[in-house]
Amino acid sequence: MDEQSPITQDSSDTQALSRRNAMWKGSAMLLSAVAVSTSPDAAYADIYDDKEKERKIKAKADGDAGKKLVPLIGFGGIALSVPFFLPNLIRLGKKVGSGGEDDGYGN
């Protein structure tokens, strides 16, 4: 009569295993929480956040400076290429100024 039925034996084993698993998981979570809270890197988290914020501000400033350079590069390219087609521009000006009668070649 002291003998337990197989159903009772299984349920007590399952309960023991689930209690062991719960204790194991709970102690593992507690250990990891202690490790994170006592870690010296945890104190530097704000420093990394500040560095990230400074990096984003610098990137935005560099992007704004780049936007200011685009028109300068465009006008610089035009200014450097004008000497190559300046004679054609002068002839075009003469032709438009005369109403199309002078072709600008001097004949």
N, C-alpha and C. Protein backbone atom coordinates (compact mmCIF):
# COMPACT_ATOMS: atom_id res chain seq x y z
N MET A 1 0.81 -1.19 0.00
CA MET A 1 0.00 0.00 0.00
C MET A 1 0.85 1.26 0.00
N ASP A 2 2.08 1.11 0.40
CA ASP A 2 2.97 2.25 0.33
C ASP A 2 3.37 2.54 -1.10
N GLU A 3 3.11 1.59 -1.92
CA GLU A 3 3.50 1.75 -3.31
C GLU A 3 2.62 2.82 -3.98
N GLN A 4 3.26 3.73 -4.70
CA GLN A 4 2.50 4.78 -5.38
C GLN A 4 2.13 4.30 -6.78
N SER A 5 1.02 4.79 -7.24
CA SER A 5 0.59 4.42 -8.58
C SER A 5 1.50 5.10 -9.60
N PRO A 6 1.61 4.55 -10.80
CA PRO A 6 2.47 5.14 -11.82
C PRO A 6 2.06 6.57 -12.17
N ILE A 7 0.79 6.88 -12.09
CA ILE A 7 0.34 8.23 -12.42
C ILE A 7 0.87 9.22 -11.39
N THR A 8 0.79 8.85 -10.12
CA THR A 8 1.26 9.72 -9.06
C THR A 8 2.78 9.87 -9.14
N GLN A 9 3.46 8.81 -9.45
CA GLN A 9 4.91 8.84 -9.56
C GLN A 9 5.33 9.80 -10.68
N ASP A 10 4.68 9.73 -11.84
CA ASP A 10 5.01 10.61 -12.96
C ASP A 10 4.74 12.07 -12.61
N SER A 11 3.64 12.34 -11.98
CA SER A 11 3.32 13.72 -11.68
C SER A 11 4.29 14.29 -10.64
N SER A 12 4.73 13.49 -9.68
CA SER A 12 5.69 14.00 -8.70
C SER A 12 7.06 14.22 -9.35
N ASP A 13 7.45 13.35 -10.30
CA ASP A 13 8.69 13.56 -11.02
C ASP A 13 8.62 14.82 -11.87
N THR A 14 7.49 15.02 -12.52
CA THR A 14 7.31 16.21 -13.36
C THR A 14 7.35 17.47 -12.50
N GLN A 15 6.73 17.42 -11.34
CA GLN A 15 6.73 18.58 -10.45
C GLN A 15 8.15 18.86 -9.97
N ALA A 16 8.89 17.82 -9.63
CA ALA A 16 10.25 18.01 -9.17
C ALA A 16 11.12 18.59 -10.28
N LEU A 17 10.96 18.08 -11.48
CA LEU A 17 11.73 18.59 -12.60
C LEU A 17 11.34 20.03 -12.93
N SER A 18 10.06 20.33 -12.85
CA SER A 18 9.65 21.70 -13.17
C SER A 18 10.14 22.66 -12.08
N ARG A 19 10.19 22.20 -10.81
CA ARG A 19 10.73 23.05 -9.75
C ARG A 19 12.23 23.25 -9.95
N ARG A 20 12.90 22.18 -10.34
CA ARG A 20 14.34 22.31 -10.61
C ARG A 20 14.59 23.26 -11.78
N ASN A 21 13.80 23.11 -12.82
CA ASN A 21 13.95 24.01 -13.98
C ASN A 21 13.67 25.45 -13.59
N ALA A 22 12.65 25.65 -12.78
CA ALA A 22 12.31 27.01 -12.35
C ALA A 22 13.44 27.61 -11.52
N MET A 23 13.98 26.82 -10.62
CA MET A 23 15.10 27.31 -9.80
C MET A 23 16.32 27.59 -10.67
N TRP A 24 16.57 26.69 -11.61
CA TRP A 24 17.72 26.87 -12.49
C TRP A 24 17.57 28.14 -13.33
N LYS A 25 16.39 28.31 -13.91
CA LYS A 25 16.15 29.49 -14.74
C LYS A 25 16.17 30.76 -13.91
N GLY A 26 15.57 30.68 -12.72
CA GLY A 26 15.54 31.85 -11.85
C GLY A 26 16.93 32.25 -11.39
N SER A 27 17.74 31.26 -11.04
CA SER A 27 19.10 31.58 -10.60
C SER A 27 19.94 32.07 -11.77
N ALA A 28 19.72 31.54 -12.94
CA ALA A 28 20.44 32.03 -14.12
C ALA A 28 20.07 33.47 -14.43
N MET A 29 18.80 33.80 -14.31
CA MET A 29 18.37 35.19 -14.56
C MET A 29 18.94 36.12 -13.51
N LEU A 30 18.94 35.68 -12.25
CA LEU A 30 19.49 36.49 -11.18
C LEU A 30 20.98 36.71 -11.38
N LEU A 31 21.69 35.67 -11.75
CA LEU A 31 23.12 35.77 -11.99
C LEU A 31 23.42 36.72 -13.16
N SER A 32 22.66 36.62 -14.22
CA SER A 32 22.89 37.51 -15.36
C SER A 32 22.55 38.95 -15.00
N ALA A 33 21.51 39.17 -14.19
CA ALA A 33 21.16 40.53 -13.77
C ALA A 33 22.25 41.12 -12.90
N VAL A 34 22.81 40.33 -12.01
CA VAL A 34 23.91 40.80 -11.17
C VAL A 34 25.13 41.11 -12.02
N ALA A 35 25.42 40.25 -12.99
CA ALA A 35 26.59 40.47 -13.84
C ALA A 35 26.45 41.75 -14.65
N VAL A 36 25.27 42.03 -15.16
CA VAL A 36 25.06 43.24 -15.95
C VAL A 36 25.12 44.49 -15.07
N SER A 37 24.52 44.41 -13.90
CA SER A 37 24.47 45.61 -13.04
C SER A 37 25.83 45.93 -12.43
N THR A 38 26.67 44.92 -12.24
CA THR A 38 27.99 45.20 -11.66
C THR A 38 29.06 45.37 -12.72
N SER A 39 28.70 45.27 -13.97
CA SER A 39 29.66 45.41 -15.06
C SER A 39 30.14 46.85 -15.15
N PRO A 40 31.44 47.08 -15.34
CA PRO A 40 31.93 48.46 -15.48
C PRO A 40 31.45 49.12 -16.77
N ASP A 41 31.09 48.32 -17.78
CA ASP A 41 30.60 48.90 -19.03
C ASP A 41 29.22 49.52 -18.87
N ALA A 42 28.46 49.07 -17.89
CA ALA A 42 27.13 49.62 -17.68
C ALA A 42 27.20 51.09 -17.31
N ALA A 43 28.25 51.49 -16.64
CA ALA A 43 28.40 52.89 -16.25
C ALA A 43 28.74 53.77 -17.44
N TYR A 44 29.30 53.18 -18.49
CA TYR A 44 29.71 53.97 -19.65
C TYR A 44 28.63 54.06 -20.71
N ALA A 45 27.48 53.54 -20.47
CA ALA A 45 26.42 53.55 -21.47
C ALA A 45 26.05 54.98 -21.85
N ASP A 46 26.01 55.89 -20.90
CA ASP A 46 25.68 57.29 -21.21
C ASP A 46 26.76 57.93 -22.06
N ILE A 47 28.01 57.55 -21.85
CA ILE A 47 29.10 58.10 -22.65
C ILE A 47 28.92 57.69 -24.11
N TYR A 48 28.57 56.42 -24.33
CA TYR A 48 28.37 55.96 -25.71
C TYR A 48 27.18 56.66 -26.36
N ASP A 49 26.13 56.92 -25.58
CA ASP A 49 24.98 57.64 -26.11
C ASP A 49 25.37 59.06 -26.49
N ASP A 50 26.18 59.71 -25.66
CA ASP A 50 26.62 61.07 -25.96
C ASP A 50 27.50 61.09 -27.20
N LYS A 51 28.38 60.11 -27.33
CA LYS A 51 29.24 60.05 -28.52
C LYS A 51 28.41 59.84 -29.77
N GLU A 52 27.39 59.00 -29.69
CA GLU A 52 26.52 58.77 -30.85
C GLU A 52 25.78 60.03 -31.23
N LYS A 53 25.32 60.78 -30.23
CA LYS A 53 24.62 62.03 -30.51
C LYS A 53 25.55 63.05 -31.17
N GLU A 54 26.80 63.14 -30.68
CA GLU A 54 27.78 64.05 -31.28
C GLU A 54 28.08 63.64 -32.72
N ARG A 55 28.17 62.31 -32.96
CA ARG A 55 28.46 61.82 -34.30
C ARG A 55 27.33 62.18 -35.27
N LYS A 56 26.08 62.07 -34.79
CA LYS A 56 24.95 62.42 -35.65
C LYS A 56 24.91 63.91 -35.94
N ILE A 57 25.22 64.73 -34.94
CA ILE A 57 25.23 66.19 -35.16
C ILE A 57 26.32 66.55 -36.16
N LYS A 58 27.50 65.92 -36.03
CA LYS A 58 28.59 66.21 -36.97
C LYS A 58 28.24 65.76 -38.38
N ALA A 59 27.59 64.61 -38.51
CA ALA A 59 27.19 64.12 -39.83
C ALA A 59 26.19 65.07 -40.47
N LYS A 60 25.27 65.60 -39.67
CA LYS A 60 24.28 66.55 -40.20
C LYS A 60 24.97 67.83 -40.64
N ALA A 61 25.94 68.32 -39.86
CA ALA A 61 26.67 69.54 -40.23
C ALA A 61 27.47 69.31 -41.51
N ASP A 62 28.09 68.14 -41.63
CA ASP A 62 28.84 67.83 -42.85
C ASP A 62 27.91 67.74 -44.06
N GLY A 63 26.72 67.20 -43.86
CA GLY A 63 25.75 67.12 -44.95
C GLY A 63 25.28 68.50 -45.40
N ASP A 64 25.09 69.40 -44.42
CA ASP A 64 24.69 70.77 -44.76
C ASP A 64 25.81 71.49 -45.50
N ALA A 65 27.06 71.25 -45.08
CA ALA A 65 28.19 71.87 -45.77
C ALA A 65 28.31 71.34 -47.19
N GLY A 66 28.01 70.07 -47.38
CA GLY A 66 28.04 69.48 -48.73
C GLY A 66 26.99 70.07 -49.64
N LYS A 67 25.82 70.40 -49.07
CA LYS A 67 24.76 71.02 -49.88
C LYS A 67 25.16 72.41 -50.34
N LYS A 68 25.96 73.09 -49.55
CA LYS A 68 26.43 74.43 -49.95
C LYS A 68 27.47 74.35 -51.06
N LEU A 69 28.19 73.23 -51.15
CA LEU A 69 29.24 73.09 -52.16
C LEU A 69 28.70 72.77 -53.54
N VAL A 70 27.52 72.21 -53.63
CA VAL A 70 26.99 71.78 -54.93
C VAL A 70 26.87 72.94 -55.92
N PRO A 71 26.27 74.08 -55.56
CA PRO A 71 26.21 75.19 -56.53
C PRO A 71 27.60 75.74 -56.88
N LEU A 72 28.50 75.77 -55.90
CA LEU A 72 29.85 76.26 -56.19
C LEU A 72 30.56 75.36 -57.20
N ILE A 73 30.39 74.08 -57.08
CA ILE A 73 31.01 73.16 -58.03
C ILE A 73 30.40 73.32 -59.42
N GLY A 74 29.09 73.50 -59.48
CA GLY A 74 28.43 73.71 -60.78
C GLY A 74 28.89 74.98 -61.46
N PHE A 75 28.91 76.08 -60.73
CA PHE A 75 29.37 77.35 -61.33
C PHE A 75 30.85 77.30 -61.65
N GLY A 76 31.64 76.61 -60.84
CA GLY A 76 33.07 76.48 -61.12
C GLY A 76 33.30 75.70 -62.41
N GLY A 77 32.52 74.66 -62.63
CA GLY A 77 32.65 73.90 -63.87
C GLY A 77 32.31 74.73 -65.09
N ILE A 78 31.27 75.54 -64.97
CA ILE A 78 30.90 76.42 -66.09
C ILE A 78 31.99 77.45 -66.32
N ALA A 79 32.49 78.05 -65.23
CA ALA A 79 33.53 79.09 -65.36
C ALA A 79 34.80 78.53 -65.99
N LEU A 80 35.14 77.30 -65.67
CA LEU A 80 36.36 76.71 -66.24
C LEU A 80 36.18 76.25 -67.68
N SER A 81 34.95 76.00 -68.11
CA SER A 81 34.74 75.55 -69.48
C SER A 81 34.44 76.69 -70.45
N VAL A 82 34.09 77.87 -69.93
CA VAL A 82 33.77 79.01 -70.81
C VAL A 82 34.92 79.37 -71.74
N PRO A 83 36.18 79.36 -71.32
CA PRO A 83 37.26 79.71 -72.26
C PRO A 83 37.30 78.83 -73.51
N PHE A 84 36.83 77.60 -73.41
CA PHE A 84 36.87 76.71 -74.56
C PHE A 84 35.79 77.03 -75.59
N PHE A 85 34.67 77.57 -75.19
CA PHE A 85 33.64 77.89 -76.17
C PHE A 85 33.27 79.38 -76.17
N LEU A 86 34.15 80.23 -75.65
CA LEU A 86 33.92 81.67 -75.65
C LEU A 86 33.81 82.25 -77.07
N PRO A 87 34.66 81.84 -78.02
CA PRO A 87 34.50 82.38 -79.39
C PRO A 87 33.12 82.07 -79.99
N ASN A 88 32.60 80.88 -79.71
CA ASN A 88 31.27 80.53 -80.21
C ASN A 88 30.20 81.40 -79.56
N LEU A 89 30.35 81.71 -78.29
CA LEU A 89 29.39 82.58 -77.60
C LEU A 89 29.42 84.00 -78.17
N ILE A 90 30.63 84.48 -78.50
CA ILE A 90 30.75 85.82 -79.09
C ILE A 90 30.05 85.86 -80.46
N ARG A 91 30.28 84.85 -81.29
CA ARG A 91 29.61 84.80 -82.59
C ARG A 91 28.10 84.71 -82.44
N LEU A 92 27.64 83.93 -81.50
CA LEU A 92 26.20 83.82 -81.26
C LEU A 92 25.62 85.16 -80.83
N GLY A 93 26.35 85.87 -79.99
CA GLY A 93 25.89 87.20 -79.55
C GLY A 93 25.78 88.17 -80.72
N LYS A 94 26.76 88.14 -81.61
CA LYS A 94 26.72 89.03 -82.79
C LYS A 94 25.54 88.67 -83.71
N LYS A 95 25.30 87.40 -83.90
CA LYS A 95 24.22 86.97 -84.78
C LYS A 95 22.87 87.34 -84.20
N VAL A 96 22.68 87.12 -82.90
CA VAL A 96 21.40 87.46 -82.27
C VAL A 96 21.23 88.98 -82.22
N GLY A 97 22.34 89.71 -81.98
CA GLY A 97 22.27 91.17 -81.93
C GLY A 97 21.92 91.80 -83.27
N SER A 98 22.33 91.19 -84.36
CA SER A 98 22.05 91.75 -85.68
C SER A 98 20.74 91.24 -86.25
N GLY A 99 20.05 90.38 -85.52
CA GLY A 99 18.78 89.87 -86.01
C GLY A 99 18.97 88.76 -87.01
N GLY A 100 20.13 88.15 -87.07
CA GLY A 100 20.38 87.02 -87.97
C GLY A 100 21.06 87.42 -89.25
N GLU A 101 21.30 88.74 -89.51
CA GLU A 101 21.94 89.16 -90.77
C GLU A 101 23.44 88.91 -90.73
N ASP A 102 24.09 89.17 -89.60
CA ASP A 102 25.54 88.93 -89.48
C ASP A 102 25.72 87.56 -88.85
N ASP A 103 26.50 86.70 -89.53
CA ASP A 103 26.68 85.35 -88.99
C ASP A 103 27.80 85.31 -87.94
N GLY A 104 28.53 86.42 -87.72
CA GLY A 104 29.54 86.50 -86.68
C GLY A 104 30.93 86.10 -87.12
N TYR A 105 31.11 85.73 -88.41
CA TYR A 105 32.42 85.32 -88.88
C TYR A 105 33.17 86.50 -89.49
N GLY A 106 32.63 87.64 -89.55
CA GLY A 106 33.31 88.83 -90.04
C GLY A 106 33.34 89.00 -91.55
N ASN A 107 32.56 88.33 -92.31
CA ASN A 107 32.55 88.48 -93.79
C ASN A 107 31.59 89.55 -94.21
